[in-house]
Amino acid sequence: MGVTFRYAEESDTALILEFIKDLAEYEKMTDEVVATEDMLKEWLFEKKKAEVIFAVADGVEVGFALFFHNFSTFLGRAGIYIEDLYVKLAYRGRGYGKSIIKKLAQIAVERGCGRLEWWCLDWNKPSINFYLSLGAETMKDWTVYRISGHTLKDLAQDI
């Protein structure tokens, strides 16, 4: 399975958006993707708020991960949060997903991070089983909350 990794460059913006849209299709959430190439260029490459790595096999990008640093006050150091991890359908079952997670673990260790975290949709049993097989723990006592859109804007003006 000869896989290599490379960090995305600005010229990869269209490819990153393609992977995001493929992931959204898999997750049945295509209507929620509002990202554009210009937005990704700004936030990934100008503001440097997240990073992308590609898994490459035989010269083809077969998977990707978009990640950024978070911070644990309890650990007193940063961690890595995986926002997106996706392997193209035609390349699944070959170990690329595991290789991506291992690469992200390596990056976390090299950077002195205390943990690697991500969310997974409750219905996505194949991914859940995969993550558990790697030794990942389900965060059973935690619930995710979100404020976005008009609610976020309204809340921001309410000071």
C-alpha atoms as a PDB file:
ATOM      1  CA  MET A   1       0.000   0.000   0.000  1.00  0.00           C
ATOM      2  CA  GLY A   2       2.676   2.651  -0.680  1.00  0.00           C
ATOM      3  CA  VAL A   3       1.144   5.810   0.743  1.00  0.00           C
ATOM      4  CA  THR A   4       2.838   9.151   1.189  1.00  0.00           C
ATOM      5  CA  PHE A   5       1.568  12.381   2.663  1.00  0.00           C
ATOM      6  CA  ARG A   6       1.805  15.964   1.646  1.00  0.00           C
ATOM      7  CA  TYR A   7       0.518  19.206   3.077  1.00  0.00           C
ATOM      8  CA  ALA A   8      -1.935  21.087   0.892  1.00  0.00           C
ATOM      9  CA  GLU A   9      -0.825  24.206  -0.900  1.00  0.00           C
ATOM     10  CA  GLU A  10      -2.958  27.083  -2.123  1.00  0.00           C
ATOM     11  CA  SER A  11      -3.023  25.534  -5.604  1.00  0.00           C
ATOM     12  CA  ASP A  12      -4.878  22.561  -4.048  1.00  0.00           C
ATOM     13  CA  THR A  13      -7.900  24.631  -3.036  1.00  0.00           C
ATOM     14  CA  ALA A  14     -10.208  23.148  -5.699  1.00  0.00           C
ATOM     15  CA  LEU A  15      -9.157  19.638  -4.686  1.00  0.00           C
ATOM     16  CA  ILE A  16      -9.814  20.392  -1.015  1.00  0.00           C
ATOM     17  CA  LEU A  17     -13.305  21.628  -1.869  1.00  0.00           C
ATOM     18  CA  GLU A  18     -13.874  18.479  -3.951  1.00  0.00           C
ATOM     19  CA  PHE A  19     -12.983  16.311  -0.949  1.00  0.00           C
ATOM     20  CA  ILE A  20     -15.265  18.387   1.309  1.00  0.00           C
ATOM     21  CA  LYS A  21     -18.155  17.951  -1.110  1.00  0.00           C
ATOM     22  CA  ASP A  22     -17.489  14.199  -1.399  1.00  0.00           C
ATOM     23  CA  LEU A  23     -17.535  13.915   2.387  1.00  0.00           C
ATOM     24  CA  ALA A  24     -20.744  15.940   2.591  1.00  0.00           C
ATOM     25  CA  GLU A  25     -22.356  13.640   0.041  1.00  0.00           C
ATOM     26  CA  TYR A  26     -21.323  10.587   2.069  1.00  0.00           C
ATOM     27  CA  GLU A  27     -22.733  12.191   5.222  1.00  0.00           C
ATOM     28  CA  LYS A  28     -25.956  13.189   3.419  1.00  0.00           C
ATOM     29  CA  MET A  29     -25.233  16.863   4.117  1.00  0.00           C
ATOM     30  CA  THR A  30     -24.490  18.348   0.680  1.00  0.00           C
ATOM     31  CA  ASP A  31     -26.971  21.178   1.170  1.00  0.00           C
ATOM     32  CA  GLU A  32     -24.954  22.387   4.179  1.00  0.00           C
ATOM     33  CA  VAL A  33     -21.755  23.034   2.195  1.00  0.00           C
ATOM     34  CA  VAL A  34     -21.471  26.758   1.577  1.00  0.00           C
ATOM     35  CA  ALA A  35     -17.660  26.852   1.415  1.00  0.00           C
ATOM     36  CA  THR A  36     -16.117  28.230  -1.754  1.00  0.00           C
ATOM     37  CA  GLU A  37     -12.590  28.121  -3.087  1.00  0.00           C
ATOM     38  CA  ASP A  38     -12.135  31.783  -2.165  1.00  0.00           C
ATOM     39  CA  MET A  39     -13.267  31.131   1.412  1.00  0.00           C
ATOM     40  CA  LEU A  40     -10.925  28.164   1.735  1.00  0.00           C
ATOM     41  CA  LYS A  41      -8.003  30.163   0.318  1.00  0.00           C
ATOM     42  CA  GLU A  42      -8.634  32.920   2.840  1.00  0.00           C
ATOM     43  CA  TRP A  43      -9.056  30.740   5.935  1.00  0.00           C
ATOM     44  CA  LEU A  44      -6.573  27.968   5.140  1.00  0.00           C
ATOM     45  CA  PHE A  45      -3.767  29.784   3.370  1.00  0.00           C
ATOM     46  CA  GLU A  46      -4.035  33.485   4.251  1.00  0.00           C
ATOM     47  CA  LYS A  47      -5.285  33.313   7.844  1.00  0.00           C
ATOM     48  CA  LYS A  48      -3.750  29.855   8.423  1.00  0.00           C
ATOM     49  CA  LYS A  49      -6.584  28.711  10.709  1.00  0.00           C
ATOM     50  CA  ALA A  50      -6.429  25.048   9.667  1.00  0.00           C
ATOM     51  CA  GLU A  51      -4.199  22.639   7.781  1.00  0.00           C
ATOM     52  CA  VAL A  52      -4.833  19.908   5.229  1.00  0.00           C
ATOM     53  CA  ILE A  53      -2.853  16.789   4.489  1.00  0.00           C
ATOM     54  CA  PHE A  54      -3.419  14.473   1.558  1.00  0.00           C
ATOM     55  CA  ALA A  55      -2.782  10.748   1.484  1.00  0.00           C
ATOM     56  CA  VAL A  56      -1.219  10.024  -1.910  1.00  0.00           C
ATOM     57  CA  ALA A  57      -0.982   6.605  -3.585  1.00  0.00           C
ATOM     58  CA  ASP A  58       0.485   6.116  -7.054  1.00  0.00           C
ATOM     59  CA  GLY A  59       0.426   9.881  -7.605  1.00  0.00           C
ATOM     60  CA  VAL A  60      -3.289  10.190  -6.757  1.00  0.00           C
ATOM     61  CA  GLU A  61      -4.744  11.961  -3.713  1.00  0.00           C
ATOM     62  CA  VAL A  62      -6.854   9.148  -2.231  1.00  0.00           C
ATOM     63  CA  GLY A  63      -7.771  10.766   1.076  1.00  0.00           C
ATOM     64  CA  PHE A  64      -7.478  13.939   3.072  1.00  0.00           C
ATOM     65  CA  ALA A  65      -7.726  15.342   6.569  1.00  0.00           C
ATOM     66  CA  LEU A  66      -8.447  18.921   7.566  1.00  0.00           C
ATOM     67  CA  PHE A  67      -7.310  19.701  11.104  1.00  0.00           C
ATOM     68  CA  PHE A  68      -6.402  22.484  13.488  1.00  0.00           C
ATOM     69  CA  HIS A  69      -5.073  23.000  16.990  1.00  0.00           C
ATOM     70  CA  ASN A  70      -7.346  23.208  19.991  1.00  0.00           C
ATOM     71  CA  PHE A  71      -6.270  23.597  23.602  1.00  0.00           C
ATOM     72  CA  SER A  72      -6.824  21.567  26.744  1.00  0.00           C
ATOM     73  CA  THR A  73      -6.671  23.609  29.918  1.00  0.00           C
ATOM     74  CA  PHE A  74      -6.573  20.375  31.935  1.00  0.00           C
ATOM     75  CA  LEU A  75      -3.536  19.100  30.017  1.00  0.00           C
ATOM     76  CA  GLY A  76      -2.045  22.575  29.738  1.00  0.00           C
ATOM     77  CA  ARG A  77      -1.188  22.116  26.079  1.00  0.00           C
ATOM     78  CA  ALA A  78      -2.579  21.996  22.590  1.00  0.00           C
ATOM     79  CA  GLY A  79      -4.206  19.081  20.857  1.00  0.00           C
ATOM     80  CA  ILE A  80      -5.201  18.419  17.281  1.00  0.00           C
ATOM     81  CA  TYR A  81      -8.846  18.413  16.267  1.00  0.00           C
ATOM     82  CA  ILE A  82      -9.717  16.603  13.044  1.00  0.00           C
ATOM     83  CA  GLU A  83     -12.556  18.469  11.350  1.00  0.00           C
ATOM     84  CA  ASP A  84     -12.699  16.239   8.272  1.00  0.00           C
ATOM     85  CA  LEU A  85     -11.187  12.898   7.372  1.00  0.00           C
ATOM     86  CA  TYR A  86     -12.207  11.256   4.135  1.00  0.00           C
ATOM     87  CA  VAL A  87     -10.965   8.476   1.878  1.00  0.00           C
ATOM     88  CA  LYS A  88     -12.414   8.271  -1.624  1.00  0.00           C
ATOM     89  CA  LEU A  89     -14.867   5.405  -2.009  1.00  0.00           C
ATOM     90  CA  ALA A  90     -12.759   3.574  -4.594  1.00  0.00           C
ATOM     91  CA  TYR A  91      -9.811   3.460  -2.174  1.00  0.00           C
ATOM     92  CA  ARG A  92     -11.535   2.329   1.018  1.00  0.00           C
ATOM     93  CA  GLY A  93     -10.597  -0.899   2.746  1.00  0.00           C
ATOM     94  CA  ARG A  94      -6.926  -0.582   1.850  1.00  0.00           C
ATOM     95  CA  GLY A  95      -5.657   0.964   5.076  1.00  0.00           C
ATOM     96  CA  TYR A  96      -5.519   4.591   3.901  1.00  0.00           C
ATOM     97  CA  GLY A  97      -7.835   5.826   6.656  1.00  0.00           C
ATOM     98  CA  LYS A  98      -5.675   4.193   9.290  1.00  0.00           C
ATOM     99  CA  SER A  99      -2.572   5.670   7.671  1.00  0.00           C
ATOM    100  CA  ILE A 100      -4.111   9.154   7.814  1.00  0.00           C
ATOM    101  CA  ILE A 101      -4.951   8.777  11.516  1.00  0.00           C
ATOM    102  CA  LYS A 102      -1.434   7.465  12.197  1.00  0.00           C
ATOM    103  CA  LYS A 103       0.066  10.433  10.326  1.00  0.00           C
ATOM    104  CA  LEU A 104      -2.046  12.854  12.357  1.00  0.00           C
ATOM    105  CA  ALA A 105      -0.959  11.080  15.559  1.00  0.00           C
ATOM    106  CA  GLN A 106       2.652  11.484  14.425  1.00  0.00           C
ATOM    107  CA  ILE A 107       2.110  15.205  13.781  1.00  0.00           C
ATOM    108  CA  ALA A 108       0.486  15.575  17.217  1.00  0.00           C
ATOM    109  CA  VAL A 109       3.396  13.832  18.950  1.00  0.00           C
ATOM    110  CA  GLU A 110       6.007  15.826  16.986  1.00  0.00           C
ATOM    111  CA  ARG A 111       4.267  19.065  17.991  1.00  0.00           C
ATOM    112  CA  GLY A 112       4.009  18.039  21.648  1.00  0.00           C
ATOM    113  CA  CYS A 113       0.217  17.861  21.589  1.00  0.00           C
ATOM    114  CA  GLY A 114      -1.650  16.051  24.323  1.00  0.00           C
ATOM    115  CA  ARG A 115      -4.416  14.474  22.260  1.00  0.00           C
ATOM    116  CA  LEU A 116      -6.100  13.884  18.924  1.00  0.00           C
ATOM    117  CA  GLU A 117      -9.881  14.431  18.762  1.00  0.00           C
ATOM    118  CA  TRP A 118     -12.764  14.386  16.293  1.00  0.00           C
ATOM    119  CA  TRP A 119     -16.523  13.979  16.063  1.00  0.00           C
ATOM    120  CA  CYS A 120     -18.370  11.228  14.248  1.00  0.00           C
ATOM    121  CA  LEU A 121     -22.025  11.068  13.276  1.00  0.00           C
ATOM    122  CA  ASP A 122     -23.980   8.645  15.473  1.00  0.00           C
ATOM    123  CA  TRP A 123     -25.309   6.672  12.484  1.00  0.00           C
ATOM    124  CA  ASN A 124     -21.890   6.135  10.912  1.00  0.00           C
ATOM    125  CA  LYS A 125     -21.287   2.658  12.350  1.00  0.00           C
ATOM    126  CA  PRO A 126     -18.465   1.684   9.932  1.00  0.00           C
ATOM    127  CA  SER A 127     -16.441   4.732  10.998  1.00  0.00           C
ATOM    128  CA  ILE A 128     -17.282   4.266  14.676  1.00  0.00           C
ATOM    129  CA  ASN A 129     -16.114   0.653  14.539  1.00  0.00           C
ATOM    130  CA  PHE A 130     -12.953   1.735  12.721  1.00  0.00           C
ATOM    131  CA  TYR A 131     -12.146   4.397  15.321  1.00  0.00           C
ATOM    132  CA  LEU A 132     -12.787   1.996  18.195  1.00  0.00           C
ATOM    133  CA  SER A 133     -10.450  -0.546  16.552  1.00  0.00           C
ATOM    134  CA  LEU A 134      -7.684   2.080  16.772  1.00  0.00           C
ATOM    135  CA  GLY A 135      -8.224   2.486  20.510  1.00  0.00           C
ATOM    136  CA  ALA A 136     -10.267   5.698  20.324  1.00  0.00           C
ATOM    137  CA  GLU A 137     -12.576   6.372  23.245  1.00  0.00           C
ATOM    138  CA  THR A 138     -16.203   7.468  22.986  1.00  0.00           C
ATOM    139  CA  MET A 139     -16.754  10.631  25.012  1.00  0.00           C
ATOM    140  CA  LYS A 140     -19.988   9.410  26.629  1.00  0.00           C
ATOM    141  CA  ASP A 141     -20.428  12.183  29.175  1.00  0.00           C
ATOM    142  CA  TRP A 142     -20.110  15.004  26.651  1.00  0.00           C
ATOM    143  CA  THR A 143     -22.653  16.651  24.370  1.00  0.00           C
ATOM    144  CA  VAL A 144     -21.737  18.921  21.467  1.00  0.00           C
ATOM    145  CA  TYR A 145     -23.362  22.361  21.338  1.00  0.00           C
ATOM    146  CA  ARG A 146     -23.341  24.848  18.496  1.00  0.00           C
ATOM    147  CA  ILE A 147     -24.398  28.430  17.889  1.00  0.00           C
ATOM    148  CA  SER A 148     -24.263  29.560  14.267  1.00  0.00           C
ATOM    149  CA  GLY A 149     -25.959  31.603  11.566  1.00  0.00           C
ATOM    150  CA  HIS A 150     -28.494  34.219  12.663  1.00  0.00           C
ATOM    151  CA  THR A 151     -28.371  33.023  16.265  1.00  0.00           C
ATOM    152  CA  LEU A 152     -24.617  33.683  16.374  1.00  0.00           C
ATOM    153  CA  LYS A 153     -25.021  37.152  14.847  1.00  0.00           C
ATOM    154  CA  ASP A 154     -27.903  38.012  17.185  1.00  0.00           C
ATOM    155  CA  LEU A 155     -25.965  36.821  20.234  1.00  0.00           C
ATOM    156  CA  ALA A 156     -22.905  38.839  19.196  1.00  0.00           C
ATOM    157  CA  GLN A 157     -24.989  42.041  19.107  1.00  0.00           C
ATOM    158  CA  ASP A 158     -26.612  41.440  22.480  1.00  0.00           C
ATOM    159  CA  ILE A 159     -23.812  42.871  24.649  1.00  0.00           C
END
